[in-house]
Amino acid sequence: MSEAILVLAGLLTLGGLASLWRAWRHWIRGWRWRAGGHGGVGVALSALAVLAGLAAVDLAGYQRLAMEAPVATIRFQSVGPDTYIADLTTQAGSVRGYRLRGQDWRLDARVLKWRTWAALLGFEPLYQLRRLSGRYATVADARSQTHTVYALGRDRGVDVWLWARRLRLPFVDALYGSSVYLPMANGAEYRVSIGIDGLIARPANAAARQAVDGWH
């Protein structure tokens, strides 16, 4: 979908350059009013091209969302009381370890869905992982213990999510955050997927299933 926006940015750039060229031709011929009109159109098209390009760069940080697609695998190793190293492997192939405090882990994502007519033009639903954090089972621990949270995604170019929320863009059908949390345990491994309703996490080995069975 970001490719389609880049094509749009290219077309706007060509239109802007053509208008600016006409403005220059009219100016040197002394046709000031015509030059001003074409110049204004050229500047406007060029500005729109820049915005479209920045939006495409930002959307490149999102992944296409299928009916249900794998997102990540996360595995835990206990390194102390209520302290774990979480090895997160994303569908893109990146692997990184995070030190989490608490009894549970939580993964957050953003989801963008487009209106039907936009989907027909090739705009597919997108998601972006945003945060991984530790979570405490009790309110008392949540208030008193150390919190750990890590950013997984970052905004690049124009933040489409922010502007879509502020401007209520007509081609955006839904913008929502989705999160999932499950217990941490030594050796536990979970597989995370995402569907049209958001994130889904499932135990991937015996240690994770045992942790979920005893979860409360």
N, C-alpha and C. Protein backbone atom coordinates (compact mmCIF):
# COMPACT_ATOMS: atom_id res chain seq x y z
N MET A 1 0.82 -1.20 0.00
CA MET A 1 0.00 0.00 0.00
C MET A 1 0.85 1.25 0.00
N SER A 2 1.99 1.22 0.73
CA SER A 2 2.88 2.37 0.70
C SER A 2 3.41 2.61 -0.71
N GLU A 3 3.51 1.52 -1.51
CA GLU A 3 3.95 1.68 -2.90
C GLU A 3 2.95 2.52 -3.69
N ALA A 4 1.65 2.28 -3.46
CA ALA A 4 0.62 3.06 -4.15
C ALA A 4 0.72 4.54 -3.79
N ILE A 5 0.99 4.82 -2.52
CA ILE A 5 1.11 6.22 -2.09
C ILE A 5 2.35 6.85 -2.70
N LEU A 6 3.44 6.07 -2.83
CA LEU A 6 4.64 6.60 -3.48
C LEU A 6 4.36 6.93 -4.94
N VAL A 7 3.57 6.10 -5.62
CA VAL A 7 3.19 6.40 -7.00
C VAL A 7 2.40 7.70 -7.05
N LEU A 8 1.46 7.86 -6.10
CA LEU A 8 0.69 9.10 -6.03
C LEU A 8 1.60 10.29 -5.80
N ALA A 9 2.59 10.12 -4.91
CA ALA A 9 3.54 11.21 -4.65
C ALA A 9 4.31 11.56 -5.92
N GLY A 10 4.68 10.53 -6.70
CA GLY A 10 5.39 10.79 -7.94
C GLY A 10 4.54 11.55 -8.94
N LEU A 11 3.27 11.18 -9.06
CA LEU A 11 2.37 11.88 -9.97
C LEU A 11 2.17 13.33 -9.55
N LEU A 12 2.01 13.54 -8.23
CA LEU A 12 1.86 14.91 -7.73
C LEU A 12 3.12 15.73 -8.00
N THR A 13 4.28 15.09 -7.86
CA THR A 13 5.54 15.79 -8.13
C THR A 13 5.62 16.21 -9.59
N LEU A 14 5.26 15.30 -10.49
CA LEU A 14 5.28 15.64 -11.92
C LEU A 14 4.31 16.77 -12.23
N GLY A 15 3.11 16.70 -11.63
CA GLY A 15 2.15 17.77 -11.85
C GLY A 15 2.64 19.10 -11.31
N GLY A 16 3.28 19.06 -10.13
CA GLY A 16 3.81 20.28 -9.55
C GLY A 16 4.91 20.89 -10.40
N LEU A 17 5.83 20.04 -10.90
CA LEU A 17 6.92 20.54 -11.74
C LEU A 17 6.39 21.11 -13.05
N ALA A 18 5.38 20.45 -13.61
CA ALA A 18 4.80 20.96 -14.86
C ALA A 18 4.16 22.33 -14.65
N SER A 19 3.44 22.49 -13.53
CA SER A 19 2.81 23.78 -13.25
C SER A 19 3.85 24.86 -13.01
N LEU A 20 4.92 24.52 -12.30
CA LEU A 20 5.97 25.51 -12.05
C LEU A 20 6.68 25.90 -13.35
N TRP A 21 6.85 24.94 -14.27
CA TRP A 21 7.45 25.25 -15.57
C TRP A 21 6.57 26.21 -16.36
N ARG A 22 5.26 25.94 -16.34
CA ARG A 22 4.35 26.85 -17.03
C ARG A 22 4.39 28.24 -16.40
N ALA A 23 4.46 28.28 -15.06
CA ALA A 23 4.53 29.57 -14.37
C ALA A 23 5.76 30.36 -14.82
N TRP A 24 6.89 29.66 -14.95
CA TRP A 24 8.12 30.33 -15.38
C TRP A 24 8.00 30.85 -16.81
N ARG A 25 7.41 30.04 -17.69
CA ARG A 25 7.23 30.46 -19.08
C ARG A 25 6.34 31.70 -19.16
N HIS A 26 5.25 31.69 -18.38
CA HIS A 26 4.35 32.85 -18.39
C HIS A 26 5.04 34.08 -17.80
N TRP A 27 5.87 33.88 -16.81
CA TRP A 27 6.54 35.00 -16.15
C TRP A 27 7.50 35.71 -17.10
N ILE A 28 8.30 34.93 -17.81
CA ILE A 28 9.27 35.57 -18.70
C ILE A 28 8.59 36.23 -19.90
N ARG A 29 7.34 35.85 -20.17
CA ARG A 29 6.59 36.50 -21.24
C ARG A 29 5.80 37.70 -20.73
N GLY A 30 5.87 37.93 -19.42
CA GLY A 30 5.19 39.08 -18.85
C GLY A 30 3.76 38.84 -18.44
N TRP A 31 3.31 37.58 -18.48
CA TRP A 31 1.93 37.26 -18.10
C TRP A 31 1.91 36.95 -16.61
N ARG A 32 1.89 38.00 -15.81
CA ARG A 32 2.06 37.84 -14.37
C ARG A 32 0.91 37.07 -13.71
N TRP A 33 -0.33 37.35 -14.12
CA TRP A 33 -1.47 36.69 -13.47
C TRP A 33 -1.45 35.20 -13.75
N ARG A 34 -1.19 34.84 -15.00
CA ARG A 34 -1.12 33.42 -15.34
C ARG A 34 0.03 32.74 -14.60
N ALA A 35 1.15 33.46 -14.53
CA ALA A 35 2.31 32.90 -13.82
C ALA A 35 1.97 32.63 -12.35
N GLY A 36 1.28 33.61 -11.74
CA GLY A 36 0.91 33.43 -10.33
C GLY A 36 -0.02 32.25 -10.11
N GLY A 37 -0.99 32.10 -11.03
CA GLY A 37 -1.93 30.98 -10.90
C GLY A 37 -1.25 29.64 -11.01
N HIS A 38 -0.44 29.48 -12.06
CA HIS A 38 0.27 28.21 -12.25
C HIS A 38 1.29 27.97 -11.13
N GLY A 39 1.91 29.06 -10.67
CA GLY A 39 2.87 28.91 -9.58
C GLY A 39 2.22 28.42 -8.30
N GLY A 40 1.04 28.98 -7.99
CA GLY A 40 0.32 28.53 -6.80
C GLY A 40 -0.06 27.07 -6.88
N VAL A 41 -0.54 26.65 -8.06
CA VAL A 41 -0.90 25.23 -8.25
C VAL A 41 0.34 24.35 -8.11
N GLY A 42 1.45 24.80 -8.68
CA GLY A 42 2.68 24.01 -8.60
C GLY A 42 3.17 23.83 -7.18
N VAL A 43 3.13 24.92 -6.41
CA VAL A 43 3.56 24.84 -5.01
C VAL A 43 2.65 23.91 -4.21
N ALA A 44 1.33 24.02 -4.44
CA ALA A 44 0.37 23.18 -3.72
C ALA A 44 0.59 21.70 -4.05
N LEU A 45 0.75 21.38 -5.34
CA LEU A 45 0.97 19.98 -5.73
C LEU A 45 2.29 19.45 -5.17
N SER A 46 3.31 20.30 -5.16
CA SER A 46 4.61 19.87 -4.62
C SER A 46 4.51 19.59 -3.12
N ALA A 47 3.77 20.44 -2.39
CA ALA A 47 3.58 20.22 -0.96
C ALA A 47 2.83 18.92 -0.70
N LEU A 48 1.79 18.66 -1.50
CA LEU A 48 1.04 17.41 -1.35
C LEU A 48 1.93 16.21 -1.66
N ALA A 49 2.82 16.35 -2.63
CA ALA A 49 3.74 15.27 -2.97
C ALA A 49 4.66 14.94 -1.80
N VAL A 50 5.16 15.99 -1.14
CA VAL A 50 6.03 15.78 0.02
C VAL A 50 5.27 15.07 1.14
N LEU A 51 4.03 15.53 1.42
CA LEU A 51 3.23 14.89 2.47
C LEU A 51 2.93 13.44 2.14
N ALA A 52 2.60 13.16 0.88
CA ALA A 52 2.32 11.78 0.47
C ALA A 52 3.55 10.91 0.62
N GLY A 53 4.71 11.45 0.26
CA GLY A 53 5.94 10.70 0.42
C GLY A 53 6.26 10.38 1.86
N LEU A 54 6.07 11.37 2.74
CA LEU A 54 6.32 11.14 4.17
C LEU A 54 5.32 10.14 4.75
N ALA A 55 4.07 10.21 4.29
CA ALA A 55 3.07 9.23 4.75
C ALA A 55 3.45 7.82 4.31
N ALA A 56 3.96 7.68 3.09
CA ALA A 56 4.38 6.36 2.61
C ALA A 56 5.53 5.82 3.44
N VAL A 57 6.46 6.70 3.83
CA VAL A 57 7.57 6.27 4.68
C VAL A 57 7.07 5.78 6.02
N ASP A 58 6.10 6.48 6.61
CA ASP A 58 5.55 6.07 7.90
C ASP A 58 4.82 4.73 7.78
N LEU A 59 4.02 4.56 6.74
CA LEU A 59 3.26 3.32 6.57
C LEU A 59 4.15 2.14 6.25
N ALA A 60 5.36 2.40 5.78
CA ALA A 60 6.29 1.30 5.51
C ALA A 60 6.67 0.58 6.80
N GLY A 61 6.48 1.24 7.95
CA GLY A 61 6.74 0.61 9.24
C GLY A 61 5.64 -0.31 9.70
N TYR A 62 4.54 -0.37 8.97
CA TYR A 62 3.42 -1.25 9.30
C TYR A 62 3.49 -2.51 8.45
N GLN A 63 2.91 -3.61 8.96
CA GLN A 63 2.84 -4.87 8.23
C GLN A 63 1.42 -5.09 7.73
N ARG A 64 1.28 -5.81 6.60
CA ARG A 64 -0.04 -6.14 6.08
C ARG A 64 -0.75 -7.12 7.00
N LEU A 65 -2.03 -6.92 7.18
CA LEU A 65 -2.84 -7.74 8.08
C LEU A 65 -3.73 -8.67 7.28
N ALA A 66 -3.52 -9.98 7.42
CA ALA A 66 -4.37 -10.98 6.78
C ALA A 66 -5.49 -11.37 7.74
N MET A 67 -6.28 -12.40 7.37
CA MET A 67 -7.36 -12.86 8.25
C MET A 67 -6.80 -13.24 9.61
N GLU A 68 -5.72 -14.01 9.64
CA GLU A 68 -4.94 -14.22 10.85
C GLU A 68 -3.53 -14.55 10.43
N ALA A 69 -2.60 -13.71 10.83
CA ALA A 69 -1.22 -13.85 10.39
C ALA A 69 -0.29 -13.93 11.59
N PRO A 70 0.77 -14.75 11.51
CA PRO A 70 1.74 -14.79 12.61
C PRO A 70 2.46 -13.46 12.75
N VAL A 71 2.69 -13.08 13.98
CA VAL A 71 3.33 -11.79 14.27
C VAL A 71 4.69 -11.98 14.92
N ALA A 72 4.74 -12.82 15.96
CA ALA A 72 5.98 -12.96 16.71
C ALA A 72 5.94 -14.23 17.56
N THR A 73 7.12 -14.63 18.00
CA THR A 73 7.29 -15.69 18.99
C THR A 73 8.04 -15.09 20.16
N ILE A 74 7.62 -15.41 21.36
CA ILE A 74 8.28 -14.86 22.54
C ILE A 74 8.57 -15.99 23.54
N ARG A 75 9.81 -16.06 24.01
CA ARG A 75 10.25 -17.12 24.91
C ARG A 75 10.88 -16.49 26.15
N PHE A 76 10.65 -17.10 27.32
CA PHE A 76 11.07 -16.50 28.59
C PHE A 76 12.08 -17.37 29.34
N GLN A 77 13.02 -16.66 29.97
CA GLN A 77 13.99 -17.31 30.85
C GLN A 77 14.01 -16.54 32.16
N SER A 78 13.79 -17.25 33.26
CA SER A 78 13.79 -16.61 34.58
C SER A 78 15.22 -16.29 34.99
N VAL A 79 15.43 -15.05 35.47
CA VAL A 79 16.76 -14.62 35.92
C VAL A 79 16.72 -14.06 37.34
N GLY A 80 15.58 -14.24 38.02
CA GLY A 80 15.42 -13.74 39.37
C GLY A 80 13.96 -13.71 39.75
N PRO A 81 13.65 -13.34 41.00
CA PRO A 81 12.24 -13.26 41.41
C PRO A 81 11.46 -12.27 40.54
N ASP A 82 10.42 -12.76 39.90
CA ASP A 82 9.57 -11.92 39.03
C ASP A 82 10.38 -11.14 38.01
N THR A 83 11.47 -11.73 37.54
CA THR A 83 12.33 -11.09 36.54
C THR A 83 12.66 -12.10 35.45
N TYR A 84 12.44 -11.69 34.20
CA TYR A 84 12.62 -12.61 33.08
C TYR A 84 13.32 -11.90 31.92
N ILE A 85 14.06 -12.70 31.15
CA ILE A 85 14.55 -12.24 29.86
C ILE A 85 13.59 -12.77 28.81
N ALA A 86 12.98 -11.86 28.06
CA ALA A 86 12.03 -12.22 27.01
C ALA A 86 12.72 -12.08 25.66
N ASP A 87 12.87 -13.20 24.95
CA ASP A 87 13.44 -13.18 23.60
C ASP A 87 12.30 -13.09 22.60
N LEU A 88 12.19 -11.94 21.94
CA LEU A 88 11.11 -11.69 21.00
C LEU A 88 11.62 -11.82 19.57
N THR A 89 11.02 -12.74 18.83
CA THR A 89 11.35 -12.93 17.41
C THR A 89 10.15 -12.50 16.59
N THR A 90 10.30 -11.46 15.79
CA THR A 90 9.18 -10.95 14.99
C THR A 90 9.09 -11.69 13.67
N GLN A 91 7.95 -11.52 13.00
CA GLN A 91 7.75 -12.17 11.71
C GLN A 91 8.72 -11.64 10.68
N ALA A 92 9.21 -10.42 10.88
CA ALA A 92 10.18 -9.84 9.95
C ALA A 92 11.56 -10.45 10.11
N GLY A 93 11.76 -11.25 11.18
CA GLY A 93 13.03 -11.94 11.37
C GLY A 93 13.94 -11.33 12.42
N SER A 94 13.57 -10.20 13.00
CA SER A 94 14.41 -9.59 14.02
C SER A 94 14.28 -10.34 15.34
N VAL A 95 15.39 -10.46 16.07
CA VAL A 95 15.41 -11.15 17.37
C VAL A 95 16.07 -10.22 18.38
N ARG A 96 15.40 -10.05 19.52
CA ARG A 96 15.97 -9.17 20.54
C ARG A 96 15.49 -9.61 21.92
N GLY A 97 16.36 -9.45 22.92
CA GLY A 97 16.00 -9.81 24.28
C GLY A 97 15.62 -8.58 25.10
N TYR A 98 14.63 -8.75 25.98
CA TYR A 98 14.15 -7.66 26.84
C TYR A 98 14.05 -8.18 28.27
N ARG A 99 14.46 -7.37 29.21
CA ARG A 99 14.37 -7.73 30.62
C ARG A 99 13.04 -7.20 31.18
N LEU A 100 12.16 -8.10 31.59
CA LEU A 100 10.83 -7.73 32.07
C LEU A 100 10.68 -8.06 33.54
N ARG A 101 9.97 -7.20 34.25
CA ARG A 101 9.63 -7.41 35.66
C ARG A 101 8.13 -7.65 35.77
N GLY A 102 7.75 -8.56 36.67
CA GLY A 102 6.34 -8.83 36.90
C GLY A 102 6.02 -10.30 36.76
N GLN A 103 4.72 -10.60 36.74
CA GLN A 103 4.27 -11.99 36.57
C GLN A 103 3.75 -12.25 35.15
N ASP A 104 3.34 -11.21 34.45
CA ASP A 104 2.78 -11.36 33.10
C ASP A 104 3.57 -10.52 32.10
N TRP A 105 3.40 -10.86 30.84
CA TRP A 105 3.95 -10.03 29.76
C TRP A 105 2.79 -9.47 28.96
N ARG A 106 3.03 -8.34 28.32
CA ARG A 106 1.99 -7.69 27.52
C ARG A 106 2.60 -7.15 26.24
N LEU A 107 1.89 -7.38 25.13
CA LEU A 107 2.31 -6.89 23.82
C LEU A 107 1.21 -6.01 23.25
N ASP A 108 1.58 -4.81 22.77
CA ASP A 108 0.62 -3.85 22.22
C ASP A 108 0.90 -3.62 20.73
N ALA A 109 -0.18 -3.37 19.99
CA ALA A 109 -0.05 -3.11 18.55
C ALA A 109 -1.06 -2.05 18.13
N ARG A 110 -0.78 -1.41 17.00
CA ARG A 110 -1.73 -0.52 16.34
C ARG A 110 -2.28 -1.23 15.11
N VAL A 111 -3.55 -0.99 14.81
CA VAL A 111 -4.18 -1.59 13.63
C VAL A 111 -4.90 -0.49 12.84
N LEU A 112 -4.69 -0.47 11.53
CA LEU A 112 -5.37 0.47 10.64
C LEU A 112 -6.18 -0.32 9.62
N LYS A 113 -7.47 -0.01 9.52
CA LYS A 113 -8.34 -0.64 8.53
C LYS A 113 -8.91 0.45 7.62
N TRP A 114 -9.04 0.12 6.34
CA TRP A 114 -9.48 1.09 5.35
C TRP A 114 -10.91 0.81 4.91
N ARG A 115 -11.58 1.82 4.40
CA ARG A 115 -12.94 1.65 3.90
C ARG A 115 -12.93 0.78 2.63
N THR A 116 -14.11 0.25 2.31
CA THR A 116 -14.21 -0.73 1.22
C THR A 116 -13.65 -0.19 -0.08
N TRP A 117 -13.99 1.06 -0.43
CA TRP A 117 -13.52 1.59 -1.71
C TRP A 117 -12.01 1.75 -1.73
N ALA A 118 -11.42 2.06 -0.57
CA ALA A 118 -9.96 2.15 -0.50
C ALA A 118 -9.33 0.76 -0.63
N ALA A 119 -9.99 -0.25 -0.02
CA ALA A 119 -9.49 -1.62 -0.13
C ALA A 119 -9.51 -2.09 -1.58
N LEU A 120 -10.54 -1.68 -2.33
CA LEU A 120 -10.63 -2.06 -3.74
C LEU A 120 -9.50 -1.44 -4.56
N LEU A 121 -8.95 -0.34 -4.08
CA LEU A 121 -7.82 0.30 -4.76
C LEU A 121 -6.48 -0.31 -4.36
N GLY A 122 -6.52 -1.31 -3.49
CA GLY A 122 -5.30 -2.00 -3.09
C GLY A 122 -4.79 -1.67 -1.70
N PHE A 123 -5.54 -0.88 -0.94
CA PHE A 123 -5.13 -0.54 0.42
C PHE A 123 -5.50 -1.69 1.35
N GLU A 124 -4.50 -2.36 1.93
CA GLU A 124 -4.74 -3.50 2.79
C GLU A 124 -4.64 -3.09 4.25
N PRO A 125 -5.39 -3.78 5.14
CA PRO A 125 -5.26 -3.50 6.57
C PRO A 125 -3.81 -3.67 7.02
N LEU A 126 -3.39 -2.87 7.98
CA LEU A 126 -2.01 -2.86 8.44
C LEU A 126 -1.94 -2.94 9.95
N TYR A 127 -0.80 -3.44 10.44
CA TYR A 127 -0.57 -3.42 11.88
C TYR A 127 0.88 -3.05 12.15
N GLN A 128 1.13 -2.58 13.36
CA GLN A 128 2.48 -2.25 13.79
C GLN A 128 2.61 -2.57 15.27
N LEU A 129 3.58 -3.42 15.63
CA LEU A 129 3.86 -3.68 17.04
C LEU A 129 4.42 -2.42 17.67
N ARG A 130 3.94 -2.09 18.88
CA ARG A 130 4.33 -0.83 19.50
C ARG A 130 5.11 -1.00 20.81
N ARG A 131 4.64 -1.89 21.70
CA ARG A 131 5.29 -1.99 23.01
C ARG A 131 5.30 -3.43 23.52
N LEU A 132 6.34 -3.74 24.29
CA LEU A 132 6.41 -4.97 25.08
C LEU A 132 6.66 -4.54 26.52
N SER A 133 5.89 -5.07 27.45
CA SER A 133 6.03 -4.64 28.84
C SER A 133 5.77 -5.78 29.80
N GLY A 134 6.26 -5.61 31.03
CA GLY A 134 5.94 -6.53 32.11
C GLY A 134 4.68 -6.05 32.82
N ARG A 135 3.99 -6.99 33.44
CA ARG A 135 2.71 -6.66 34.07
C ARG A 135 2.61 -7.42 35.38
N TYR A 136 2.10 -6.74 36.40
CA TYR A 136 1.93 -7.36 37.71
C TYR A 136 0.50 -7.87 37.87
N ALA A 137 0.37 -8.98 38.58
CA ALA A 137 -0.94 -9.63 38.72
C ALA A 137 -1.84 -8.88 39.69
N THR A 138 -1.27 -8.19 40.67
CA THR A 138 -2.08 -7.50 41.67
C THR A 138 -1.93 -5.99 41.55
N VAL A 139 -2.95 -5.28 41.95
CA VAL A 139 -2.92 -3.82 41.92
C VAL A 139 -1.85 -3.29 42.87
N ALA A 140 -1.69 -3.94 44.02
CA ALA A 140 -0.70 -3.50 45.00
C ALA A 140 0.71 -3.56 44.41
N ASP A 141 1.04 -4.66 43.72
CA ASP A 141 2.36 -4.76 43.09
C ASP A 141 2.50 -3.75 41.96
N ALA A 142 1.44 -3.54 41.20
CA ALA A 142 1.49 -2.58 40.09
C ALA A 142 1.77 -1.18 40.59
N ARG A 143 1.32 -0.86 41.80
CA ARG A 143 1.54 0.47 42.36
C ARG A 143 2.92 0.63 42.98
N SER A 144 3.49 -0.46 43.47
CA SER A 144 4.71 -0.34 44.26
C SER A 144 5.97 -0.87 43.59
N GLN A 145 5.84 -1.76 42.61
CA GLN A 145 7.02 -2.40 42.03
C GLN A 145 7.51 -1.67 40.77
N THR A 146 8.72 -2.03 40.36
CA THR A 146 9.34 -1.42 39.18
C THR A 146 8.65 -1.87 37.90
N HIS A 147 8.38 -0.91 37.03
CA HIS A 147 7.75 -1.22 35.75
C HIS A 147 8.79 -1.26 34.63
N THR A 148 8.59 -2.16 33.68
CA THR A 148 9.48 -2.27 32.53
C THR A 148 8.64 -2.22 31.26
N VAL A 149 9.00 -1.33 30.35
CA VAL A 149 8.27 -1.20 29.09
C VAL A 149 9.25 -0.79 28.00
N TYR A 150 9.09 -1.38 26.82
CA TYR A 150 10.01 -1.14 25.71
C TYR A 150 9.22 -0.79 24.44
N ALA A 151 9.73 0.19 23.71
CA ALA A 151 9.12 0.57 22.44
C ALA A 151 9.59 -0.39 21.35
N LEU A 152 8.65 -0.89 20.56
CA LEU A 152 8.98 -1.80 19.46
C LEU A 152 8.86 -1.12 18.10
N GLY A 153 7.98 -0.15 17.99
CA GLY A 153 7.78 0.56 16.73
C GLY A 153 8.06 2.03 16.91
N ARG A 154 8.40 2.69 15.82
CA ARG A 154 8.62 4.13 15.89
C ARG A 154 8.00 4.77 14.66
N ASP A 155 7.61 6.02 14.81
CA ASP A 155 7.00 6.76 13.71
C ASP A 155 8.09 7.30 12.79
N ARG A 156 7.88 7.14 11.50
CA ARG A 156 8.82 7.64 10.51
C ARG A 156 8.06 8.52 9.53
N GLY A 157 8.64 9.68 9.22
CA GLY A 157 7.92 10.60 8.34
C GLY A 157 6.71 11.17 9.04
N VAL A 158 5.59 11.28 8.32
CA VAL A 158 4.34 11.77 8.89
C VAL A 158 3.68 10.64 9.67
N ASP A 159 3.23 10.91 10.90
CA ASP A 159 2.54 9.90 11.70
C ASP A 159 1.11 9.78 11.20
N VAL A 160 0.88 8.81 10.31
CA VAL A 160 -0.44 8.63 9.71
C VAL A 160 -1.49 8.34 10.77
N TRP A 161 -1.13 7.54 11.76
CA TRP A 161 -2.06 7.20 12.85
C TRP A 161 -2.57 8.45 13.53
N LEU A 162 -1.66 9.37 13.89
CA LEU A 162 -2.03 10.59 14.59
C LEU A 162 -2.94 11.46 13.73
N TRP A 163 -2.57 11.68 12.47
CA TRP A 163 -3.36 12.56 11.62
C TRP A 163 -4.69 11.93 11.23
N ALA A 164 -4.73 10.63 11.08
CA ALA A 164 -6.00 9.96 10.78
C ALA A 164 -6.98 10.12 11.93
N ARG A 165 -6.48 10.10 13.16
CA ARG A 165 -7.34 10.30 14.33
C ARG A 165 -7.80 11.75 14.41
N ARG A 166 -6.91 12.69 14.16
CA ARG A 166 -7.26 14.10 14.30
C ARG A 166 -8.21 14.58 13.20
N LEU A 167 -7.95 14.14 11.98
CA LEU A 167 -8.70 14.67 10.84
C LEU A 167 -9.87 13.79 10.43
N ARG A 168 -9.98 12.60 11.02
CA ARG A 168 -11.05 11.66 10.65
C ARG A 168 -11.06 11.46 9.13
N LEU A 169 -9.95 11.00 8.61
CA LEU A 169 -9.78 10.85 7.17
C LEU A 169 -10.83 9.92 6.59
N PRO A 170 -11.45 10.29 5.45
CA PRO A 170 -12.59 9.54 4.92
C PRO A 170 -12.24 8.14 4.44
N PHE A 171 -10.97 7.88 4.11
CA PHE A 171 -10.61 6.55 3.60
C PHE A 171 -10.22 5.59 4.72
N VAL A 172 -10.19 6.07 5.98
CA VAL A 172 -9.86 5.21 7.12
C VAL A 172 -11.15 4.73 7.77
N ASP A 173 -11.32 3.42 7.86
CA ASP A 173 -12.52 2.84 8.46
C ASP A 173 -12.38 2.71 9.97
N ALA A 174 -11.22 2.26 10.43
CA ALA A 174 -11.05 2.05 11.87
C ALA A 174 -9.58 2.18 12.25
N LEU A 175 -9.35 2.77 13.41
CA LEU A 175 -8.04 2.86 14.03
C LEU A 175 -8.19 2.36 15.45
N TYR A 176 -7.45 1.34 15.81
CA TYR A 176 -7.59 0.87 17.18
C TYR A 176 -6.30 0.23 17.68
N GLY A 177 -6.15 0.28 18.98
CA GLY A 177 -5.04 -0.39 19.61
C GLY A 177 -5.48 -1.77 20.06
N SER A 178 -4.55 -2.71 20.05
CA SER A 178 -4.86 -4.07 20.47
C SER A 178 -3.72 -4.55 21.36
N SER A 179 -4.04 -5.29 22.40
CA SER A 179 -3.01 -5.82 23.28
C SER A 179 -3.39 -7.21 23.75
N VAL A 180 -2.39 -7.96 24.17
CA VAL A 180 -2.61 -9.30 24.71
C VAL A 180 -1.62 -9.49 25.86
N TYR A 181 -2.05 -10.18 26.90
CA TYR A 181 -1.12 -10.49 27.99
C TYR A 181 -1.37 -11.89 28.52
N LEU A 182 -0.27 -12.55 28.91
CA LEU A 182 -0.30 -13.91 29.44
C LEU A 182 0.83 -14.04 30.46
N PRO A 183 0.82 -15.12 31.26
CA PRO A 183 1.82 -15.23 32.32
C PRO A 183 3.22 -15.56 31.79
N MET A 184 4.23 -15.07 32.50
CA MET A 184 5.61 -15.43 32.21
C MET A 184 5.99 -16.64 33.07
N ALA A 185 6.84 -17.50 32.53
CA ALA A 185 7.34 -18.66 33.26
C ALA A 185 8.65 -19.10 32.62
N ASN A 186 9.52 -19.69 33.41
CA ASN A 186 10.81 -20.13 32.90
C ASN A 186 10.63 -21.17 31.80
N GLY A 187 11.19 -20.89 30.63
CA GLY A 187 11.10 -21.81 29.51
C GLY A 187 9.82 -21.72 28.70
N ALA A 188 8.88 -20.87 29.12
CA ALA A 188 7.61 -20.75 28.40
C ALA A 188 7.81 -20.06 27.06
N GLU A 189 7.09 -20.54 26.07
CA GLU A 189 7.14 -19.94 24.74
C GLU A 189 5.72 -19.74 24.21
N TYR A 190 5.48 -18.57 23.64
CA TYR A 190 4.16 -18.24 23.09
C TYR A 190 4.30 -17.81 21.63
N ARG A 191 3.26 -18.12 20.86
CA ARG A 191 3.17 -17.62 19.49
C ARG A 191 2.06 -16.57 19.44
N VAL A 192 2.38 -15.44 18.86
CA VAL A 192 1.42 -14.34 18.76
C VAL A 192 1.03 -14.15 17.30
N SER A 193 -0.25 -14.06 17.05
CA SER A 193 -0.76 -13.78 15.71
C SER A 193 -1.72 -12.60 15.80
N ILE A 194 -2.14 -12.12 14.65
CA ILE A 194 -3.08 -11.00 14.63
C ILE A 194 -4.12 -11.25 13.55
N GLY A 195 -5.36 -10.98 13.89
CA GLY A 195 -6.47 -11.11 12.95
C GLY A 195 -7.24 -9.80 12.89
N ILE A 196 -8.41 -9.84 12.28
CA ILE A 196 -9.18 -8.61 12.11
C ILE A 196 -9.67 -8.06 13.44
N ASP A 197 -9.69 -8.90 14.49
CA ASP A 197 -10.13 -8.43 15.80
C ASP A 197 -8.97 -8.06 16.71
N GLY A 198 -7.73 -8.20 16.24
CA GLY A 198 -6.59 -7.80 17.05
C GLY A 198 -5.64 -8.94 17.33
N LEU A 199 -4.81 -8.77 18.37
CA LEU A 199 -3.77 -9.73 18.71
C LEU A 199 -4.35 -10.98 19.37
N ILE A 200 -3.69 -12.11 19.12
CA ILE A 200 -4.05 -13.39 19.72
C ILE A 200 -2.75 -14.07 20.14
N ALA A 201 -2.67 -14.56 21.37
CA ALA A 201 -1.48 -15.26 21.85
C ALA A 201 -1.87 -16.67 22.30
N ARG A 202 -1.03 -17.65 21.95
CA ARG A 202 -1.30 -19.04 22.30
C ARG A 202 -0.03 -19.68 22.85
N PRO A 203 -0.15 -20.55 23.86
CA PRO A 203 1.01 -21.30 24.36
C PRO A 203 1.60 -22.16 23.25
N ALA A 204 2.94 -22.21 23.19
CA ALA A 204 3.61 -22.98 22.14
C ALA A 204 4.37 -24.18 22.69
N ASN A 205 4.45 -24.33 24.02
CA ASN A 205 5.11 -25.50 24.59
C ASN A 205 4.47 -25.84 25.94
N ALA A 206 4.97 -26.92 26.55
CA ALA A 206 4.37 -27.42 27.79
C ALA A 206 4.51 -26.41 28.93
N ALA A 207 5.66 -25.73 29.01
CA ALA A 207 5.86 -24.75 30.09
C ALA A 207 4.85 -23.62 30.00
N ALA A 208 4.56 -23.16 28.79
CA ALA A 208 3.58 -22.09 28.61
C ALA A 208 2.18 -22.58 28.93
N ARG A 209 1.84 -23.79 28.49
CA ARG A 209 0.51 -24.33 28.79
C ARG A 209 0.31 -24.52 30.29
N GLN A 210 1.34 -24.97 30.97
CA GLN A 210 1.25 -25.13 32.42
C GLN A 210 1.06 -23.78 33.11
N ALA A 211 1.78 -22.76 32.63
CA ALA A 211 1.65 -21.42 33.21
C ALA A 211 0.24 -20.88 33.01
N VAL A 212 -0.33 -21.09 31.83
CA VAL A 212 -1.69 -20.61 31.56
C VAL A 212 -2.71 -21.38 32.38
N ASP A 213 -2.52 -22.70 32.53
CA ASP A 213 -3.46 -23.50 33.31
C ASP A 213 -3.50 -23.07 34.77
N GLY A 214 -2.36 -22.62 35.30
CA GLY A 214 -2.32 -22.20 36.70
C GLY A 214 -2.47 -20.71 36.90
N TRP A 215 -2.84 -20.00 35.84
CA TRP A 215 -2.93 -18.53 35.87
C TRP A 215 -4.19 -18.10 36.59
N HIS A 216 -4.07 -17.07 37.38
CA HIS A 216 -5.26 -16.52 38.07
C HIS A 216 -5.03 -15.05 38.36
